[in-house]
Protein backbone atom coordinates (compact mmCIF):
# COMPACT_ATOMS: atom_id res chain seq x y z
CA MET A 1 0.38 65.79 -28.08
CA TYR A 2 3.52 64.39 -29.73
CA VAL A 3 4.40 62.62 -26.48
CA LEU A 4 1.06 60.77 -26.51
CA LEU A 5 1.47 59.80 -30.16
CA VAL A 6 4.92 58.33 -29.52
CA PHE A 7 3.83 56.38 -26.45
CA ALA A 8 0.60 55.22 -28.13
CA PHE A 9 2.63 53.84 -31.05
CA ILE A 10 5.09 52.09 -28.70
CA SER A 11 2.21 50.63 -26.67
CA GLY A 12 0.69 49.29 -29.89
CA LEU A 13 4.00 47.74 -30.96
CA ILE A 14 4.51 45.84 -27.72
CA THR A 15 0.93 44.51 -27.79
CA ILE A 16 2.25 41.47 -29.68
CA PHE A 17 3.84 40.40 -26.37
CA ALA A 18 0.62 40.92 -24.39
CA PRO A 19 -1.28 37.92 -22.96
CA CYS A 20 -4.50 39.54 -24.24
CA VAL A 21 -3.42 39.14 -27.86
CA TRP A 22 -2.19 35.54 -27.61
CA PRO A 23 -5.65 33.94 -28.08
CA LEU A 24 -5.86 35.77 -31.44
CA LEU A 25 -2.57 34.44 -32.79
CA PRO A 26 -3.70 30.86 -33.55
CA ILE A 27 -6.72 32.24 -35.45
CA ILE A 28 -4.51 34.60 -37.46
CA LEU A 29 -2.08 31.77 -38.15
CA SER A 30 -4.87 29.44 -39.27
CA SER A 31 -6.29 32.12 -41.56
CA THR A 32 -2.95 32.61 -43.31
CA ALA A 33 -2.38 28.88 -43.88
CA THR A 34 -3.88 29.34 -47.34
CA GLY A 35 -3.88 32.20 -49.82
CA GLY A 36 -1.40 34.64 -51.24
CA LYS A 37 0.67 37.45 -49.80
CA GLN A 38 -2.29 39.83 -49.77
CA LYS A 39 -4.29 37.72 -47.30
CA PRO A 40 -2.12 38.59 -44.23
CA PHE A 41 -2.46 42.27 -45.12
CA GLY A 42 -6.24 41.87 -45.40
CA ILE A 43 -6.47 40.15 -42.01
CA VAL A 44 -4.46 42.81 -40.19
CA LEU A 45 -6.23 45.71 -41.93
CA GLY A 46 -9.59 44.15 -41.03
CA ILE A 47 -8.60 43.94 -37.34
CA MET A 48 -7.36 47.53 -37.36
CA THR A 49 -10.50 48.83 -39.10
CA SER A 50 -13.16 47.21 -36.93
CA PHE A 51 -11.31 47.81 -33.64
CA THR A 52 -10.85 51.51 -34.44
CA LEU A 53 -14.42 52.03 -35.63
CA LEU A 54 -16.01 50.24 -32.68
CA THR A 55 -13.76 51.88 -30.09
CA LEU A 56 -14.53 55.39 -31.30
CA THR A 57 -18.11 55.18 -32.57
CA ILE A 58 -20.09 52.41 -30.82
CA SER A 59 -21.53 54.77 -28.16
CA TYR A 60 -22.68 57.19 -30.89
CA ILE A 61 -24.19 54.37 -32.99
CA VAL A 62 -26.09 52.86 -30.05
CA LYS A 63 -27.50 56.28 -29.18
CA ILE A 64 -28.74 56.91 -32.74
CA PHE A 65 -29.85 53.34 -33.49
CA PRO A 66 -30.58 51.61 -30.17
CA PHE A 67 -29.52 47.96 -30.34
CA ASP A 68 -27.66 45.38 -28.29
CA PRO A 69 -23.92 45.63 -29.16
CA ASN A 70 -23.63 41.89 -28.46
CA ILE A 71 -25.20 41.38 -31.90
CA LEU A 72 -21.85 42.43 -33.40
CA ARG A 73 -20.07 39.86 -31.25
CA LEU A 74 -22.50 37.17 -32.40
CA PHE A 75 -21.86 38.18 -36.03
CA ALA A 76 -18.12 37.75 -35.46
CA VAL A 77 -18.66 34.33 -33.87
CA VAL A 78 -20.69 33.15 -36.88
CA VAL A 79 -18.07 34.40 -39.38
CA ILE A 80 -15.11 32.86 -37.53
CA GLY A 81 -16.92 29.59 -36.88
CA PHE A 82 -18.13 29.23 -40.48
CA LEU A 83 -14.70 29.98 -41.92
CA GLY A 84 -13.27 27.31 -39.64
CA LEU A 85 -15.93 24.85 -40.76
CA VAL A 86 -15.03 25.53 -44.39
CA LEU A 87 -11.42 24.60 -43.63
CA VAL A 88 -12.50 21.38 -41.89
CA VAL A 89 -14.94 20.39 -44.66
CA PRO A 90 -13.51 21.75 -47.96
CA ALA A 91 -16.64 20.66 -49.85
CA LEU A 92 -18.55 23.45 -48.10
CA SER A 93 -16.34 25.96 -49.86
CA GLN A 94 -17.70 24.86 -53.24
CA VAL A 95 -21.29 25.07 -51.97
CA LEU A 96 -20.61 28.58 -50.60
CA GLU A 97 -19.09 29.67 -53.87
CA GLY A 98 -22.14 28.46 -55.75
CA TYR A 99 -24.61 30.40 -53.56
CA VAL A 100 -22.52 33.56 -53.55
CA SER A 101 -22.07 33.45 -57.32
CA ARG A 102 -25.79 32.83 -57.88
CA PHE A 103 -27.11 35.64 -55.66
CA SER A 104 -24.46 38.35 -55.90
CA GLY A 105 -23.57 38.51 -59.55
CA SER A 106 -20.24 39.95 -60.65
CA PHE A 107 -19.43 41.22 -57.14
CA GLY A 108 -19.81 37.71 -55.77
CA LYS A 109 -17.62 36.27 -58.50
CA ARG A 110 -14.89 38.80 -57.70
CA PHE A 111 -15.16 37.88 -54.02
CA ILE A 112 -14.90 34.16 -54.74
CA LYS A 113 -11.88 34.79 -56.92
CA ASN A 114 -10.24 36.67 -54.07
CA LYS A 115 -11.53 34.64 -51.10
CA ASP A 116 -8.03 33.36 -50.38
CA GLY A 117 -6.58 36.80 -50.95
CA PHE A 118 -7.19 40.26 -49.55
CA SER A 119 -11.03 40.09 -49.35
CA GLY A 120 -11.14 36.78 -47.51
CA GLY A 121 -8.48 37.95 -45.08
CA TYR A 122 -10.21 41.29 -44.51
CA ILE A 123 -13.50 39.64 -43.53
CA THR A 124 -11.74 37.36 -41.04
CA GLY A 125 -9.75 40.25 -39.61
CA PHE A 126 -12.82 42.49 -39.34
CA ALA A 127 -14.57 39.81 -37.28
CA LEU A 128 -11.52 39.41 -35.02
CA GLY A 129 -11.35 43.16 -34.42
CA ILE A 130 -14.93 43.12 -33.13
CA VAL A 131 -14.19 40.57 -30.40
CA TRP A 132 -10.62 41.54 -29.45
CA THR A 133 -10.05 43.41 -26.16
CA PRO A 134 -6.43 44.52 -25.67
CA CYS A 135 -4.73 44.81 -22.28
CA THR A 136 -5.59 48.37 -21.31
CA GLY A 137 -3.04 50.91 -20.14
CA PRO A 138 -3.72 54.55 -19.18
CA ILE A 139 -3.68 55.77 -22.82
CA LEU A 140 -6.22 53.29 -24.18
CA ALA A 141 -8.30 53.58 -20.99
CA THR A 142 -8.55 57.35 -21.53
CA ILE A 143 -9.59 56.84 -25.16
CA ALA A 144 -12.24 54.32 -24.08
CA THR A 145 -13.60 56.74 -21.46
CA LEU A 146 -13.81 59.63 -23.93
CA ALA A 147 -15.51 57.39 -26.50
CA ALA A 148 -17.99 56.04 -23.91
CA THR A 149 -18.96 59.60 -22.94
CA ARG A 150 -19.16 60.64 -26.62
CA ALA A 151 -16.35 63.17 -26.20
CA VAL A 152 -14.26 62.05 -29.18
CA ASN A 153 -12.25 64.77 -30.90
CA THR A 154 -9.59 64.94 -33.62
CA GLU A 155 -6.76 64.27 -31.19
CA THR A 156 -8.52 61.20 -29.77
CA VAL A 157 -8.99 59.78 -33.27
CA LEU A 158 -5.35 60.45 -34.17
CA ILE A 159 -4.02 58.77 -31.02
CA THR A 160 -6.27 55.75 -31.62
CA VAL A 161 -5.10 55.43 -35.23
CA VAL A 162 -1.43 55.66 -34.19
CA TYR A 163 -1.98 53.01 -31.49
CA VAL A 164 -3.68 50.69 -34.00
CA LEU A 165 -0.86 51.21 -36.49
CA GLY A 166 1.55 50.12 -33.77
CA VAL A 167 -0.57 47.02 -33.21
CA GLY A 168 -0.81 46.29 -36.93
CA ILE A 169 2.90 46.21 -37.76
CA PRO A 170 3.93 43.20 -35.61
CA LEU A 171 0.63 41.42 -36.36
CA PHE A 172 1.29 41.81 -40.09
CA LEU A 173 4.82 40.45 -39.74
CA PHE A 174 3.45 37.51 -37.74
CA ALA A 175 0.74 36.82 -40.32
CA LEU A 176 3.21 37.18 -43.21
CA ALA A 177 5.64 34.77 -41.55
CA GLY A 178 2.84 32.25 -41.02
CA ASN A 179 1.72 32.55 -44.62
CA TRP A 180 5.29 32.06 -45.90
CA LEU A 181 5.81 29.06 -43.62
CA PHE A 182 2.72 27.19 -44.78
CA THR A 183 2.84 28.08 -48.47
CA ARG A 184 6.59 27.82 -49.11
CA SER A 185 7.81 25.08 -46.79
CA ARG A 186 8.45 21.85 -48.68
CA VAL A 187 8.18 19.85 -45.46
CA LEU A 188 4.70 21.14 -44.69
CA SER A 189 3.36 21.38 -48.25
CA LYS A 190 2.46 17.69 -48.48
CA TYR A 191 0.40 18.00 -45.28
CA THR A 192 -1.42 21.16 -46.36
CA GLY A 193 -4.87 19.56 -46.27
CA ARG A 194 -4.46 18.15 -42.77
CA ILE A 195 -2.96 21.43 -41.52
CA GLN A 196 -5.93 23.36 -42.88
CA GLN A 197 -8.36 21.00 -41.12
CA ALA A 198 -6.45 21.31 -37.85
CA PHE A 199 -6.54 25.09 -38.07
CA GLY A 200 -10.22 24.93 -38.97
CA ILE A 201 -10.85 23.11 -35.68
CA VAL A 202 -8.85 25.85 -33.92
CA MET A 203 -11.11 28.52 -35.44
CA ILE A 204 -14.28 26.63 -34.45
CA LEU A 205 -13.03 26.23 -30.89
CA ALA A 206 -12.16 29.91 -30.85
CA ALA A 207 -15.68 30.80 -32.01
CA ILE A 208 -17.17 28.64 -29.24
CA ALA A 209 -14.87 30.28 -26.68
CA ILE A 210 -15.92 33.74 -27.85
CA TYR A 211 -19.61 32.82 -27.82
CA THR A 212 -19.38 31.47 -24.26
CA ASN A 213 -17.12 34.39 -23.22
CA TYR A 214 -14.41 31.91 -22.25
CA ASP A 215 -11.99 34.01 -24.30
CA LYS A 216 -12.33 36.71 -21.61
CA VAL A 217 -11.71 34.14 -18.89
CA LEU A 218 -8.62 32.98 -20.77
CA GLN A 219 -7.37 36.57 -21.06
CA ALA A 220 -7.85 37.10 -17.33
CA LYS A 221 -6.01 33.85 -16.50
CA LEU A 222 -3.13 34.81 -18.79
CA LEU A 223 -2.89 38.19 -17.07
CA ASP A 224 -2.83 36.40 -13.72
CA ARG A 225 -0.11 34.07 -14.99
CA PHE A 226 1.96 36.87 -16.57
CA PRO A 227 1.27 40.06 -14.56
CA SER A 228 4.63 41.57 -15.54
CA TYR A 229 3.25 42.77 -18.90
CA GLN A 230 0.42 44.77 -17.34
CA ASN A 231 2.78 46.25 -14.76
CA PHE A 232 5.25 47.17 -17.52
CA LEU A 233 2.54 48.73 -19.70
CA ILE A 234 1.09 50.82 -16.87
CA GLY A 235 4.60 51.88 -15.84
CA LEU A 236 5.45 52.84 -19.43
CA GLU A 237 2.33 54.97 -19.84
CA SER A 238 2.38 56.52 -16.36
CA SER A 239 5.32 58.87 -16.76
CA PRO A 240 4.61 62.47 -15.67
CA ALA A 241 4.76 63.70 -19.27
CA VAL A 242 2.16 61.16 -20.44
CA ARG A 243 -0.15 61.77 -17.48
CA LYS A 244 -0.03 65.52 -18.09
CA GLN A 245 -0.97 65.08 -21.74
CA LEU A 246 -3.78 62.65 -20.85
CA ASP A 247 -5.21 65.20 -18.42
CA LEU A 248 -5.12 67.83 -21.16
CA LEU A 249 -6.82 65.42 -23.56
CA LYS A 250 -9.62 64.75 -21.06
CA ASN A 251 -10.21 68.47 -20.64
CA LYS A 252 -10.57 69.19 -24.40
CA LYS A 253 -14.21 68.22 -24.83
CA ASN A 254 -15.58 71.24 -26.73
CA GLN A 255 -18.28 71.91 -24.14
CA PRO A 256 -20.12 75.26 -23.79
CA SER A 257 -18.27 76.19 -20.62
CA THR A 258 -15.31 75.00 -18.62
CA VAL A 259 -14.15 75.29 -15.06
CA ASN A 260 -10.68 76.33 -14.00
CA GLN A 261 -10.14 73.70 -11.32
CA GLN A 262 -7.95 75.03 -8.52
CA THR A 263 -7.14 74.00 -4.99
CA PRO A 264 -9.68 75.70 -2.68
CA THR A 265 -8.35 78.68 -0.74
CA VAL A 266 -9.63 80.41 2.35
CA ASN A 267 -10.58 83.60 0.54
CA LEU A 268 -12.86 81.79 -1.96
CA PRO A 269 -11.51 83.07 -5.28
CA ASN A 270 -13.77 83.56 -8.30
CA LEU A 271 -13.20 80.49 -10.51
CA GLY A 272 -15.48 81.62 -13.33
CA LYS A 273 -19.13 81.31 -14.31
CA ALA A 274 -20.71 77.98 -13.53
CA PRO A 275 -21.90 75.94 -16.53
CA GLU A 276 -25.61 75.24 -16.94
CA PHE A 277 -27.20 71.85 -16.34
CA VAL A 278 -27.30 70.29 -19.81
CA GLY A 279 -28.37 66.96 -21.28
CA ILE A 280 -30.31 65.91 -18.18
CA THR A 281 -32.30 62.71 -18.71
CA LYS A 282 -34.76 63.24 -15.86
CA TRP A 283 -35.17 65.53 -12.84
CA LEU A 284 -36.09 63.94 -9.50
CA ASN A 285 -37.24 65.59 -6.25
CA THR A 286 -38.47 68.66 -8.13
CA ASP A 287 -41.64 69.58 -10.00
CA LYS A 288 -39.77 71.07 -12.96
CA PRO A 289 -36.29 71.17 -14.53
CA LEU A 290 -34.03 73.78 -12.94
CA THR A 291 -31.47 76.15 -14.43
CA LEU A 292 -28.83 78.33 -12.82
CA ALA A 293 -30.88 81.30 -13.99
CA ASP A 294 -33.76 79.98 -11.86
CA LEU A 295 -31.37 79.77 -8.89
CA LYS A 296 -29.87 83.26 -9.27
CA GLY A 297 -29.62 84.92 -5.86
CA LYS A 298 -29.17 81.57 -4.08
CA VAL A 299 -25.99 79.81 -2.98
CA VAL A 300 -25.80 76.51 -4.87
CA LEU A 301 -23.77 73.38 -4.18
CA VAL A 302 -23.48 71.14 -7.25
CA ASP A 303 -22.64 67.68 -5.94
CA PHE A 304 -21.63 65.02 -8.49
CA TRP A 305 -22.36 61.57 -7.10
CA THR A 306 -23.49 58.07 -7.99
CA TYR A 307 -25.41 55.84 -5.63
CA THR A 308 -23.05 52.82 -5.50
CA CYS A 309 -19.90 54.87 -4.84
CA ILE A 310 -18.84 54.33 -1.22
CA ASN A 311 -16.95 57.65 -1.21
CA CYS A 312 -20.15 59.43 -2.26
CA ILE A 313 -22.19 57.54 0.31
CA ARG A 314 -19.87 58.68 3.10
CA THR A 315 -20.29 62.33 2.05
CA LEU A 316 -24.10 62.22 1.83
CA PRO A 317 -24.82 62.68 5.58
CA HIS A 318 -22.88 65.97 5.42
CA VAL A 319 -24.48 67.18 2.17
CA THR A 320 -28.03 66.34 3.27
CA SER A 321 -27.44 67.98 6.66
CA TRP A 322 -26.14 71.19 5.04
CA TYR A 323 -29.24 71.34 2.85
CA ASP A 324 -31.64 70.71 5.71
CA LYS A 325 -29.94 73.34 7.89
CA TYR A 326 -29.48 76.18 5.35
CA LYS A 327 -32.26 75.68 2.78
CA ASP A 328 -34.46 78.34 4.41
CA GLN A 329 -31.63 80.91 4.10
CA GLY A 330 -31.27 80.56 0.34
CA PHE A 331 -29.04 77.47 0.04
CA VAL A 332 -29.72 74.82 -2.62
CA VAL A 333 -28.04 71.50 -3.38
CA ILE A 334 -28.23 70.01 -6.87
CA GLY A 335 -27.17 66.37 -6.61
CA VAL A 336 -26.08 65.58 -10.19
CA HIS A 337 -26.29 61.79 -10.46
CA THR A 338 -23.78 60.69 -13.09
CA PRO A 339 -23.71 56.87 -13.31
CA GLU A 340 -20.52 54.84 -13.21
CA PHE A 341 -22.23 51.62 -14.33
CA GLU A 342 -24.98 50.98 -16.86
CA PHE A 343 -27.59 49.82 -14.31
CA GLU A 344 -27.18 53.09 -12.39
CA LYS A 345 -28.98 54.86 -15.24
CA GLN A 346 -32.31 53.32 -14.20
CA THR A 347 -34.54 55.93 -12.60
CA GLU A 348 -36.14 53.51 -10.15
CA ASN A 349 -32.70 52.61 -8.76
CA VAL A 350 -31.81 56.28 -8.24
CA GLU A 351 -35.22 56.92 -6.62
CA GLY A 352 -34.54 54.06 -4.23
CA ALA A 353 -31.18 55.58 -3.27
CA ILE A 354 -32.79 59.02 -2.76
CA LYS A 355 -35.23 57.48 -0.29
CA GLN A 356 -32.57 55.34 1.38
CA TYR A 357 -30.20 58.24 2.08
CA GLY A 358 -32.85 60.83 2.96
CA ILE A 359 -32.10 63.17 0.04
CA HIS A 360 -34.60 66.04 -0.14
CA TYR A 361 -32.89 68.29 -2.70
CA PRO A 362 -33.27 68.11 -6.51
CA VAL A 363 -31.43 65.26 -8.26
CA PRO A 364 -30.93 65.45 -12.05
CA GLN A 365 -29.95 62.24 -13.85
CA ASP A 366 -26.90 63.01 -15.98
CA ASN A 367 -26.93 59.65 -17.79
CA ASN A 368 -25.03 60.90 -20.85
CA TYR A 369 -22.32 62.76 -18.90
CA ALA A 370 -23.35 66.06 -20.50
CA THR A 371 -23.28 68.15 -17.31
CA TRP A 372 -20.26 66.18 -16.06
CA ASN A 373 -18.40 67.21 -19.21
CA ALA A 374 -19.64 70.79 -19.01
CA TYR A 375 -17.90 71.06 -15.64
CA ASN A 376 -14.84 69.15 -16.89
CA ASN A 377 -15.38 66.90 -13.90
CA GLN A 378 -13.37 63.71 -13.38
CA PHE A 379 -14.27 62.51 -9.89
CA TRP A 380 -16.92 60.95 -7.66
CA PRO A 381 -17.77 62.74 -5.40
CA ALA A 382 -17.05 66.29 -6.62
CA GLU A 383 -18.46 69.53 -5.23
CA TYR A 384 -18.74 72.93 -6.90
CA LEU A 385 -19.91 75.75 -4.62
CA ILE A 386 -21.58 78.60 -6.54
CA ASP A 387 -22.33 82.08 -5.19
CA ALA A 388 -25.53 84.12 -5.62
CA ASP A 389 -24.18 85.65 -8.86
CA GLY A 390 -23.54 82.26 -10.50
CA ASN A 391 -19.77 82.15 -10.01
CA ILE A 392 -17.90 79.06 -8.84
CA ARG A 393 -16.11 79.99 -5.62
CA ARG A 394 -14.88 76.66 -4.30
CA THR A 395 -14.26 73.14 -5.58
CA HIS A 396 -13.52 69.99 -3.65
CA PHE A 397 -12.97 66.45 -4.90
CA GLY A 398 -13.32 63.33 -2.79
CA GLU A 399 -14.12 63.03 0.89
CA GLY A 400 -13.15 65.25 3.80
CA GLU A 401 -12.83 69.02 4.41
CA TYR A 402 -16.43 69.11 5.61
CA ASP A 403 -15.92 71.96 8.08
CA GLU A 404 -14.16 74.03 5.42
CA THR A 405 -17.03 73.46 2.97
CA GLU A 406 -19.67 74.41 5.53
CA MET A 407 -17.78 77.58 6.50
CA ALA A 408 -17.59 78.48 2.80
CA ILE A 409 -21.38 77.98 2.52
CA LYS A 410 -21.88 80.32 5.48
CA GLN A 411 -19.56 82.93 3.97
CA LEU A 412 -21.38 82.95 0.62
CA LEU A 413 -24.76 83.16 2.35
CA GLN A 414 -23.49 86.18 4.30
CA GLU A 415 -22.26 87.76 1.05
CA ALA A 416 -25.83 87.31 -0.26
CA GLY A 417 -27.16 89.23 2.75
CA LYS A 418 -28.36 86.26 4.80
CA LYS A 419 -27.85 85.85 8.52
CA VAL A 420 -26.31 82.56 9.64
CA ASP A 421 -25.09 81.33 13.02
CA THR A 422 -21.52 80.31 13.72
CA SER A 423 -22.19 76.69 14.67
CA LEU A 424 -21.26 73.74 12.47
CA ILE A 425 -23.27 70.55 12.01
CA ASN A 426 -22.19 67.61 14.14
CA VAL A 427 -21.87 64.72 11.68
CA GLU A 428 -19.15 62.09 12.02
CA ASP A 429 -16.38 62.24 9.41
CA GLN A 430 -16.17 58.66 8.10
CA THR A 431 -13.25 59.33 5.76
CA PRO A 432 -10.78 56.42 6.27
CA LYS A 433 -7.61 57.51 8.03
CA ALA A 434 -5.59 54.31 7.50
CA ARG A 435 -4.17 53.07 4.20
CA LEU A 436 -6.66 50.59 2.77
CA THR A 437 -6.88 48.31 -0.22
CA PRO A 438 -7.97 50.67 -3.02
CA GLU A 439 -11.22 50.51 -4.98
CA THR A 440 -11.01 47.49 -7.27
CA TYR A 441 -13.11 46.76 -10.36
CA THR A 442 -14.01 43.24 -11.45
CA GLY A 443 -14.58 44.08 -15.13
CA LEU A 444 -11.77 43.64 -17.64
CA LEU A 445 -11.63 47.28 -18.70
CA ARG A 446 -10.47 48.66 -15.35
CA ARG A 447 -9.10 45.61 -13.60
CA GLU A 448 -6.01 46.58 -11.60
CA ARG A 449 -3.08 44.38 -10.62
CA TYR A 450 -0.89 44.60 -7.55
CA THR A 451 2.34 42.74 -6.89
CA LYS A 452 3.50 41.04 -3.72
CA GLU A 453 5.82 43.96 -3.12
CA ASN A 454 2.82 46.26 -2.73
CA PRO A 455 2.07 46.88 0.97
CA LEU A 456 -1.64 46.93 0.05
CA LEU A 457 -1.45 43.37 -1.23
CA HIS A 458 -4.68 42.06 -2.66
CA TYR A 459 -5.66 39.62 -5.36
CA PHE A 460 -8.58 38.07 -7.17
CA ALA A 461 -8.88 34.34 -7.44
CA TYR A 462 -11.85 33.33 -9.58
CA GLY A 463 -13.27 29.84 -9.07
CA GLY A 464 -15.78 27.96 -11.19
CA GLN A 465 -17.23 29.46 -14.35
CA TRP A 466 -17.43 33.23 -14.95
CA ASN A 467 -18.59 35.49 -17.77
CA LEU A 468 -16.08 38.36 -17.71
CA GLN A 469 -17.15 41.59 -19.44
CA ASP A 470 -15.57 45.04 -19.63
CA GLU A 471 -17.77 46.48 -16.86
CA TYR A 472 -18.59 43.47 -14.67
CA ALA A 473 -18.07 39.78 -13.89
CA GLU A 474 -21.14 37.55 -14.14
CA THR A 475 -21.56 34.26 -12.28
CA SER A 476 -22.15 30.91 -13.96
CA ASP A 477 -22.03 27.40 -12.50
CA PHE A 478 -20.21 27.00 -9.17
CA SER A 479 -18.79 30.52 -9.25
CA SER A 480 -16.67 31.66 -6.33
CA LEU A 481 -14.22 34.45 -5.64
CA GLU A 482 -11.43 35.04 -3.15
CA PHE A 483 -10.03 38.47 -2.38
CA HIS A 484 -7.07 39.30 -0.14
CA PHE A 485 -7.63 42.77 1.36
CA TYR A 486 -6.64 45.16 4.13
CA ALA A 487 -9.57 47.18 5.53
CA ASN A 488 -12.19 47.52 8.25
CA LYS A 489 -15.23 47.26 5.97
CA VAL A 490 -15.73 45.61 2.59
CA PHE A 491 -18.41 46.70 0.10
CA LEU A 492 -19.38 45.25 -3.29
CA VAL A 493 -21.62 46.62 -6.06
CA ILE A 494 -23.95 43.79 -7.11
CA THR A 495 -26.83 43.39 -9.58
CA PRO A 496 -29.09 40.32 -9.24
CA LYS A 497 -30.53 38.30 -12.08
CA ILE A 498 -33.61 37.61 -9.98
CA THR A 499 -34.83 39.25 -6.76
CA ASP A 500 -33.32 36.69 -4.39
CA ASP A 501 -29.83 35.86 -5.63
CA VAL A 502 -27.85 34.24 -2.82
CA ILE A 503 -24.18 34.66 -1.88
CA ARG A 504 -22.47 32.90 1.04
CA VAL A 505 -19.73 34.91 2.75
CA TYR A 506 -16.56 33.57 4.39
CA LEU A 507 -13.70 35.37 6.12
CA ASP A 508 -10.35 33.63 6.54
CA GLY A 509 -11.90 30.27 5.75
CA LYS A 510 -14.84 30.52 8.19
CA SER A 511 -18.44 31.62 7.73
CA VAL A 512 -18.87 35.21 8.89
CA ASP A 513 -20.73 35.82 12.15
CA LYS A 514 -21.94 38.75 14.24
CA THR A 515 -18.38 39.84 15.00
CA ASN A 516 -17.40 40.47 11.36
CA ALA A 517 -20.51 40.37 9.12
CA GLY A 518 -21.57 43.50 7.25
CA LYS A 519 -25.04 44.91 7.72
CA ASP A 520 -26.30 43.25 4.51
CA VAL A 521 -25.27 39.76 5.68
CA GLN A 522 -27.64 37.55 7.66
CA ASN A 523 -26.48 34.11 8.88
CA ALA A 524 -23.42 34.33 6.59
CA VAL A 525 -25.65 34.89 3.54
CA VAL A 526 -26.31 37.94 1.36
CA THR A 527 -29.66 38.02 -0.41
CA VAL A 528 -29.29 40.33 -3.42
CA ASP A 529 -32.66 41.92 -4.12
CA GLN A 530 -31.69 45.02 -6.12
CA SER A 531 -28.78 46.70 -7.88
CA ARG A 532 -26.84 48.56 -5.20
CA LEU A 533 -23.79 48.61 -2.92
CA TYR A 534 -23.74 45.79 -0.33
CA ASN A 535 -21.79 45.80 2.94
CA LEU A 536 -20.19 42.35 3.27
CA ILE A 537 -17.63 42.73 6.07
CA ASP A 538 -17.55 44.96 9.17
CA LEU A 539 -14.62 44.40 11.54
CA LYS A 540 -16.03 46.92 14.04
CA GLY A 541 -13.17 49.39 13.84
CA ASN A 542 -10.34 46.84 13.72
CA PRO A 543 -8.90 46.93 10.19
CA GLY A 544 -6.68 44.05 9.27
CA ASP A 545 -5.25 41.75 6.63
CA HIS A 546 -7.86 39.11 5.68
CA VAL A 547 -9.12 36.85 2.89
CA LEU A 548 -12.74 37.20 1.78
CA ARG A 549 -14.40 34.30 -0.01
CA LEU A 550 -17.73 34.55 -1.79
CA GLU A 551 -19.67 31.51 -3.02
CA PHE A 552 -22.46 32.35 -5.47
CA LYS A 553 -25.49 30.08 -5.30
CA THR A 554 -27.26 31.52 -8.35
CA THR A 555 -26.16 32.15 -11.93
CA GLY A 556 -26.41 35.52 -13.63
CA THR A 557 -25.38 37.60 -10.62
CA LYS A 558 -23.22 40.55 -11.76
CA ILE A 559 -20.49 42.07 -9.56
CA TYR A 560 -18.88 45.39 -10.47
CA ALA A 561 -16.50 46.92 -7.92
CA PHE A 562 -15.10 46.38 -4.43
CA THR A 563 -14.64 49.38 -2.15
CA PHE A 564 -13.28 49.54 1.37
CA GLY A 565 -13.67 51.49 4.58
């Protein structure tokens, strides 16, 4: 725990050097151009407060009071833009003071008196904290994941607070230096009015950038221009000691039951009682909700999956074949669908995937990660094989080991008194054998960077206008994307704005054709009709080093993650 606190504090301290924080600095500087010594403290405390509260509580708040979180971002835009306008047109300040004094009584008068002090700074800082997204390393990424799955505990809160304190110290020194420079410098004092107006324009431009999401584009471009910071941050937070503590933090979720995850062995050890299915949003492919008590006496395979995950898709032919072969001998598969992306929570999308992949076993929608957390699971796909007495006897994460899993199913069925033959199903193992470009997310929260020294060289090159969010990248006018990859097949998770979004596909500068087009490409064009995984490139068993280019002909198309085969 102490290791995480130390590294979280250090990560916060060095954030001042991060490209992600640079767009904030002109706004902070402009806000400290007027006012006393307390204003810089108010700004920094406001940033720390809102960032901490939103990071840890937004998923809880949205669940209790359903609303669009973008409303908070719009509020921040209005505050920042109006404060900038007040600096550009000082007369507006007097009008504002009159309205506030008239409608808010003594409280308003105290605010007006302190608008250039702590209170004014705090409001500005609070708005900045709402819209700021720091460059994410493993520590902050873990915190964000726990908060998103509503698994926040005391340790998570403490680590977040320590990180934010680390962020606050250099920001406060920067704000204090700016305040001293503009209020004490004799050279600048005679130009104070002009300086305030210039900084007001900066704040207005910043508000426009935030409203149009160009601030995210700017952050991404800065990371592209200065990748060394992200590499340094990930390296700093990826030491064995930190990774071990992060794994422990992920496993402390105060759930009703936990699983002792071990490497599977031939003799199928007893790994403890299996947790129940909890917090299920909806059950599909079954007439009623199921419990492990209902399934007592049967051998159960709990398969965690999500329908856009290529690794899950490659395992499905094996899982569905096991179910179809052994269901009459007391074997059941429960395909727990835990979504990776927001659109995967929609029941109609999951129903479409069930039909597409020929899934006949029950599928519970675990939209709130409740069952995922009960099993302390961390992977897609993940399999937990449960015997007739409700004990977990084997776990496996990822692809492969299909014969071993089927033999374990047979063994547990025999233990339950069932007769099974010795043959194994004949389904091709599609697990990639060569080293491929790894799964790559387009959203800012999990966007990975690789250097030229990496043998799996790949890069993003965004063209045109993009709306970059934490989970996805959304097309605007003339959007395009280039991606350098090494693989045999290329897949992309896409959500359309309308039912016929169009994407043109190129490989190495030429339109794709029958020799290299994926199954979802016709005449070098992908027509995106639903939210799912699309196969863009298929090199027919000849993996290689290539450049993919996508040209988006419609606005509002959202892309989430590239995967490779």
